[in-house]
Amino acid sequence: MNFASDYLAQLDAFAAAVPLPRVRALHLPPPPSADASANKGEFCALELDDGSLGLSYVLFDDTLARLRAAGDGLGLAGADALAVARRYASADSFGRTVGFAAANALTRCLYDRAGFAPPASRDSIGQMEPRAGEHIGMIGLFRPLLGRVLESGARLTVVELNPALAGAAEGYRVTLDAGELETCDKVVSTSTLLLNDTLDRMLGHCSQARWFAMVGPGAGCLPDALFARGVTLIGGNRIDDGAGFVAALCRGESTSAFSTKSALTPDGYPGFSALLERAKRA
């Protein structure tokens, strides 16, 4: 089974155990500006009736434009959250985006009912602690993270899907060949792998890496199936002020004042079964 199937099976078990809130609204960022470096509106937030929020990346293909054009026609307000989450298994990027946001909102709902919160992260690069002499792989070009890696003296290789980014850059190299990850000691990856159906392929190239961190606002999913596949850290955004977060997102502004970067490892995670038992008793 792929990650989506594993994830949705857990949410089915959650729904079978306790009543779930319905969808309240889908909150969208404004259209991207001409200056790509200034864009902060890369994620939507799906909100449940209990205030739980789940994030999903919206800049694949024409997803954001389609979501904005559809508006209330999506019929999400009042919808069964699990039914919406099941769209994550869709072959269409539009359906996957909305479904993933709903699935992540249900994950936050489970965490809250179980009294669990992923701990705050020590840094923004997946706590990989790069060192001189190491070969670091980066899946997806994270420009804000480059400085920390390059300052360590480590060699950096970035794997991208965008041919326009390929080539040598100052202190690192961007390649389209995922096979170059096979010699990396540590890897940090964007959570968009969970949307573009490249997760298992990329992980297959990272079997020699002793650290694989998946980071980004969209990494708010249940981590069990990722840990089972060899991911060593999930770094997401724990939303502390839902109203403030949504308002900033809809304005296309930074949401960092309303959330905390989190880092979850297998050692610090009680596991889905334990969380579900706690939620049943809540």
Protein backbone atom coordinates (compact mmCIF):
# COMPACT_ATOMS: atom_id res chain seq x y z
CA MET A 1 0.00 0.00 0.00
CA ASN A 2 1.13 3.58 -0.58
CA PHE A 3 1.32 6.28 2.07
CA ALA A 4 -2.12 7.69 1.25
CA SER A 5 -3.77 4.30 1.77
CA ASP A 6 -1.98 3.77 5.08
CA TYR A 7 -2.86 7.25 6.31
CA LEU A 8 -6.52 7.00 5.34
CA ALA A 9 -6.84 3.59 6.99
CA GLN A 10 -5.80 5.19 10.28
CA LEU A 11 -8.35 7.97 9.85
CA ASP A 12 -11.03 5.35 9.13
CA ALA A 13 -10.17 3.75 12.48
CA PHE A 14 -10.38 7.16 14.19
CA ALA A 15 -13.82 7.77 12.67
CA ALA A 16 -15.02 4.33 13.75
CA ALA A 17 -13.98 5.01 17.35
CA VAL A 18 -15.30 8.51 18.03
CA PRO A 19 -17.65 11.05 16.39
CA LEU A 20 -15.72 13.45 14.18
CA PRO A 21 -16.34 17.16 13.57
CA ARG A 22 -17.50 18.24 10.14
CA VAL A 23 -15.81 20.69 7.82
CA ARG A 24 -16.31 24.36 8.67
CA ALA A 25 -14.42 26.08 5.84
CA LEU A 26 -11.50 26.02 3.44
CA HIS A 27 -9.25 29.07 3.76
CA LEU A 28 -7.20 30.08 0.74
CA PRO A 29 -4.22 32.39 0.25
CA PRO A 30 -4.37 35.17 -2.36
CA PRO A 31 -3.07 34.50 -5.88
CA PRO A 32 0.75 34.38 -6.14
CA SER A 33 2.51 37.66 -6.81
CA ALA A 34 4.86 38.20 -9.75
CA ASP A 35 7.77 38.17 -7.28
CA ALA A 36 8.01 34.48 -6.38
CA SER A 37 10.46 35.20 -3.55
CA ALA A 38 7.81 37.29 -1.80
CA ASN A 39 5.08 34.67 -1.92
CA LYS A 40 3.96 33.40 1.46
CA GLY A 41 0.63 32.05 0.21
CA GLU A 42 1.72 28.52 -0.67
CA PHE A 43 -0.70 26.63 1.60
CA CYS A 44 -4.43 26.39 2.18
CA ALA A 45 -5.98 25.59 5.56
CA LEU A 46 -9.02 23.39 5.98
CA GLU A 47 -10.88 24.07 9.24
CA LEU A 48 -13.14 21.67 11.13
CA ASP A 49 -16.03 22.62 13.40
CA ASP A 50 -13.87 22.08 16.48
CA GLY A 51 -11.27 24.57 15.20
CA SER A 52 -8.77 21.95 14.02
CA LEU A 53 -6.76 23.14 11.01
CA GLY A 54 -4.96 21.10 8.39
CA LEU A 55 -2.58 22.53 5.80
CA SER A 56 -1.85 21.52 2.22
CA TYR A 57 0.39 22.97 -0.50
CA VAL A 58 -1.60 24.64 -3.30
CA LEU A 59 0.92 25.68 -5.95
CA PHE A 60 1.06 22.45 -7.95
CA ASP A 61 -0.30 22.95 -11.46
CA ASP A 62 -3.39 25.21 -11.40
CA THR A 63 -4.68 23.97 -8.05
CA LEU A 64 -4.91 27.36 -6.31
CA ALA A 65 -6.60 29.02 -9.29
CA ARG A 66 -9.15 26.19 -9.45
CA LEU A 67 -9.84 26.39 -5.72
CA ARG A 68 -10.33 30.15 -5.86
CA ALA A 69 -12.57 29.90 -8.92
CA ALA A 70 -14.72 27.19 -7.33
CA GLY A 71 -15.35 29.15 -4.13
CA ASP A 72 -18.44 27.96 -2.28
CA GLY A 73 -19.15 25.61 -5.18
CA LEU A 74 -16.79 23.10 -3.61
CA GLY A 75 -19.53 22.26 -1.11
CA LEU A 76 -17.09 21.79 1.74
CA ALA A 77 -18.91 23.70 4.48
CA GLY A 78 -20.71 21.12 6.61
CA ALA A 79 -19.23 18.19 4.69
CA ASP A 80 -18.17 14.89 6.27
CA ALA A 81 -14.49 15.47 7.05
CA LEU A 82 -13.51 11.84 6.48
CA ALA A 83 -15.23 11.78 3.08
CA VAL A 84 -13.26 14.88 2.09
CA ALA A 85 -10.05 13.35 3.44
CA ARG A 86 -10.56 10.31 1.21
CA ARG A 87 -10.00 12.57 -1.80
CA TYR A 88 -6.33 12.40 -0.86
CA ALA A 89 -6.23 9.05 -2.68
CA SER A 90 -7.38 10.76 -5.89
CA ALA A 91 -5.17 10.71 -8.98
CA ASP A 92 -6.00 14.38 -9.52
CA SER A 93 -3.75 16.95 -7.81
CA PHE A 94 -6.79 19.15 -7.08
CA GLY A 95 -8.56 16.38 -5.15
CA ARG A 96 -5.36 15.30 -3.40
CA THR A 97 -4.73 18.83 -2.17
CA VAL A 98 -8.15 19.25 -0.54
CA GLY A 99 -8.13 15.69 0.77
CA PHE A 100 -4.69 16.05 2.32
CA ALA A 101 -5.73 19.25 4.09
CA ALA A 102 -8.78 17.47 5.54
CA ALA A 103 -6.68 14.48 6.61
CA ASN A 104 -4.22 16.78 8.36
CA ALA A 105 -7.07 18.60 10.11
CA LEU A 106 -8.31 15.24 11.41
CA THR A 107 -4.80 14.48 12.62
CA ARG A 108 -4.81 17.70 14.63
CA CYS A 109 -8.26 16.76 15.96
CA LEU A 110 -6.90 13.40 17.12
CA TYR A 111 -3.85 14.98 18.73
CA ASP A 112 -5.98 17.46 20.66
CA ARG A 113 -8.42 14.83 21.87
CA ALA A 114 -5.53 12.62 22.94
CA GLY A 115 -3.79 15.50 24.71
CA PHE A 116 -0.72 15.23 22.49
CA ALA A 117 1.34 18.00 20.90
CA PRO A 118 4.46 17.42 18.79
CA PRO A 119 7.41 19.09 20.54
CA ALA A 120 8.96 22.31 19.27
CA SER A 121 11.85 21.96 16.85
CA ARG A 122 15.37 23.05 17.76
CA ASP A 123 15.99 24.42 14.26
CA SER A 124 14.50 24.76 10.78
CA ILE A 125 16.54 22.09 8.97
CA GLY A 126 15.14 18.97 10.56
CA GLN A 127 17.67 18.77 13.41
CA MET A 128 20.11 17.00 11.09
CA GLU A 129 23.17 18.87 12.45
CA PRO A 130 25.19 18.98 9.22
CA ARG A 131 28.97 18.73 9.62
CA ALA A 132 32.02 19.34 7.47
CA GLY A 133 32.76 16.36 5.28
CA GLU A 134 29.16 15.13 5.16
CA HIS A 135 27.15 14.93 1.97
CA ILE A 136 23.73 16.51 2.54
CA GLY A 137 20.84 15.94 0.17
CA MET A 138 17.96 18.39 -0.17
CA ILE A 139 14.79 17.36 -2.00
CA GLY A 140 13.24 20.56 -3.22
CA LEU A 141 15.19 23.81 -3.16
CA PHE A 142 14.71 25.37 0.31
CA ARG A 143 16.50 28.67 -0.14
CA PRO A 144 15.95 29.78 3.50
CA LEU A 145 17.72 26.62 4.68
CA LEU A 146 20.77 26.86 2.42
CA GLY A 147 22.81 29.09 4.71
CA ARG A 148 22.72 26.77 7.69
CA VAL A 149 23.86 23.77 5.63
CA LEU A 150 26.57 25.60 3.69
CA GLU A 151 27.99 27.28 6.81
CA SER A 152 28.63 23.82 8.29
CA GLY A 153 31.12 22.97 5.56
CA ALA A 154 29.02 20.04 4.33
CA ARG A 155 28.66 19.29 0.61
CA LEU A 156 25.13 19.99 -0.58
CA THR A 157 23.25 18.42 -3.49
CA VAL A 158 19.72 19.60 -4.24
CA VAL A 159 17.31 17.37 -6.20
CA GLU A 160 14.63 19.28 -8.06
CA LEU A 161 11.84 18.52 -10.53
CA ASN A 162 12.10 21.97 -12.15
CA PRO A 163 14.65 21.91 -15.00
CA ALA A 164 15.00 25.70 -14.82
CA LEU A 165 16.74 25.37 -11.45
CA ALA A 166 19.30 22.76 -12.50
CA GLY A 167 22.99 23.56 -12.51
CA ALA A 168 25.79 24.81 -10.29
CA ALA A 169 25.07 27.53 -7.75
CA GLU A 170 27.18 29.27 -5.13
CA GLY A 171 28.29 26.51 -2.77
CA TYR A 172 25.90 23.79 -3.97
CA ARG A 173 24.53 22.06 -7.05
CA VAL A 174 20.97 21.43 -8.25
CA THR A 175 20.28 18.25 -10.20
CA LEU A 176 17.27 16.52 -11.72
CA ASP A 177 18.82 13.09 -10.99
CA ALA A 178 17.38 11.63 -7.78
CA GLY A 179 20.03 8.92 -7.98
CA GLU A 180 22.54 11.38 -6.57
CA LEU A 181 20.81 11.04 -3.21
CA GLU A 182 22.24 7.53 -2.92
CA THR A 183 25.58 8.84 -1.61
CA CYS A 184 24.08 11.29 0.88
CA ASP A 185 24.69 10.91 4.61
CA LYS A 186 21.62 12.96 5.57
CA VAL A 187 18.63 14.25 3.63
CA VAL A 188 16.08 17.01 4.23
CA SER A 189 12.96 16.96 2.12
CA THR A 190 9.94 19.13 1.45
CA SER A 191 6.64 17.66 2.59
CA THR A 192 5.28 18.20 -0.93
CA LEU A 193 6.51 14.66 -1.66
CA LEU A 194 3.27 13.62 0.03
CA LEU A 195 1.27 15.35 -2.72
CA ASN A 196 3.22 14.78 -5.93
CA ASP A 197 3.41 10.98 -5.64
CA THR A 198 7.22 10.87 -5.42
CA LEU A 199 7.60 9.80 -1.77
CA ASP A 200 8.46 6.12 -2.25
CA ARG A 201 10.70 6.79 -5.25
CA MET A 202 12.72 9.39 -3.37
CA LEU A 203 12.97 7.27 -0.24
CA GLY A 204 14.25 4.44 -2.38
CA HIS A 205 17.26 6.58 -3.29
CA CYS A 206 17.95 7.46 0.36
CA SER A 207 18.42 4.01 1.89
CA GLN A 208 22.04 4.81 2.80
CA ALA A 209 21.19 8.07 4.56
CA ARG A 210 21.23 7.79 8.35
CA TRP A 211 18.90 10.80 8.74
CA PHE A 212 15.88 11.70 6.63
CA ALA A 213 13.94 14.77 7.77
CA MET A 214 10.68 15.79 6.11
CA VAL A 215 9.84 19.40 6.89
CA GLY A 216 7.29 22.00 5.90
CA PRO A 217 3.88 23.34 6.92
CA GLY A 218 2.19 20.43 5.14
CA ALA A 219 3.91 17.84 7.34
CA GLY A 220 1.00 17.76 9.76
CA CYS A 221 0.03 14.17 9.00
CA LEU A 222 0.08 11.07 11.16
CA PRO A 223 3.72 9.94 10.98
CA ASP A 224 3.42 6.18 11.57
CA ALA A 225 3.59 5.19 7.90
CA LEU A 226 6.45 7.62 7.28
CA PHE A 227 8.51 6.30 10.19
CA ALA A 228 7.88 2.78 8.89
CA ARG A 229 9.34 3.87 5.54
CA GLY A 230 12.54 5.20 7.08
CA VAL A 231 11.74 8.87 7.72
CA THR A 232 13.49 9.86 10.95
CA LEU A 233 11.92 13.27 11.64
CA ILE A 234 8.68 15.02 10.69
CA GLY A 235 8.93 18.79 11.02
CA GLY A 236 5.62 20.62 10.68
CA ASN A 237 3.81 23.71 11.97
CA ARG A 238 1.86 23.43 15.21
CA ILE A 239 -0.83 26.12 14.98
CA ASP A 240 -1.21 27.95 18.29
CA ASP A 241 -3.68 30.69 17.32
CA GLY A 242 -6.11 29.42 14.71
CA ALA A 243 -7.93 32.70 14.08
CA GLY A 244 -4.70 34.66 13.75
CA PHE A 245 -3.18 32.00 11.52
CA VAL A 246 -6.17 31.95 9.16
CA ALA A 247 -6.32 35.74 8.94
CA ALA A 248 -2.63 35.99 8.05
CA LEU A 249 -2.88 33.13 5.54
CA CYS A 250 -5.81 34.76 3.75
CA ARG A 251 -3.87 38.03 3.51
CA GLY A 252 -0.82 36.26 2.11
CA GLU A 253 1.28 37.27 5.11
CA SER A 254 3.66 35.31 7.31
CA THR A 255 1.88 32.97 9.72
CA SER A 256 4.94 32.35 11.89
CA ALA A 257 3.63 34.48 14.78
CA PHE A 258 0.66 32.15 15.11
CA SER A 259 2.40 28.78 14.95
CA THR A 260 5.41 26.88 16.30
CA LYS A 261 7.75 24.76 14.21
CA SER A 262 7.52 21.22 15.53
CA ALA A 263 9.74 18.15 15.25
CA LEU A 264 8.52 14.62 15.77
CA THR A 265 10.77 11.56 15.89
CA PRO A 266 9.91 7.91 16.53
CA ASP A 267 11.29 8.16 20.07
CA GLY A 268 8.98 11.07 20.92
CA TYR A 269 5.83 9.70 19.31
CA PRO A 270 3.45 7.45 21.27
CA GLY A 271 2.03 5.83 18.12
CA PHE A 272 -1.41 5.93 16.54
CA SER A 273 -2.87 3.10 18.62
CA ALA A 274 -1.97 4.79 21.89
CA LEU A 275 -3.33 8.13 20.69
CA LEU A 276 -6.58 6.51 19.61
CA GLU A 277 -7.04 4.88 23.03
CA ARG A 278 -6.48 8.25 24.71
CA ALA A 279 -8.99 9.92 22.37
CA LYS A 280 -11.61 7.27 23.19
CA ARG A 281 -11.28 8.05 26.89
CA ALA A 282 -11.39 11.83 26.45
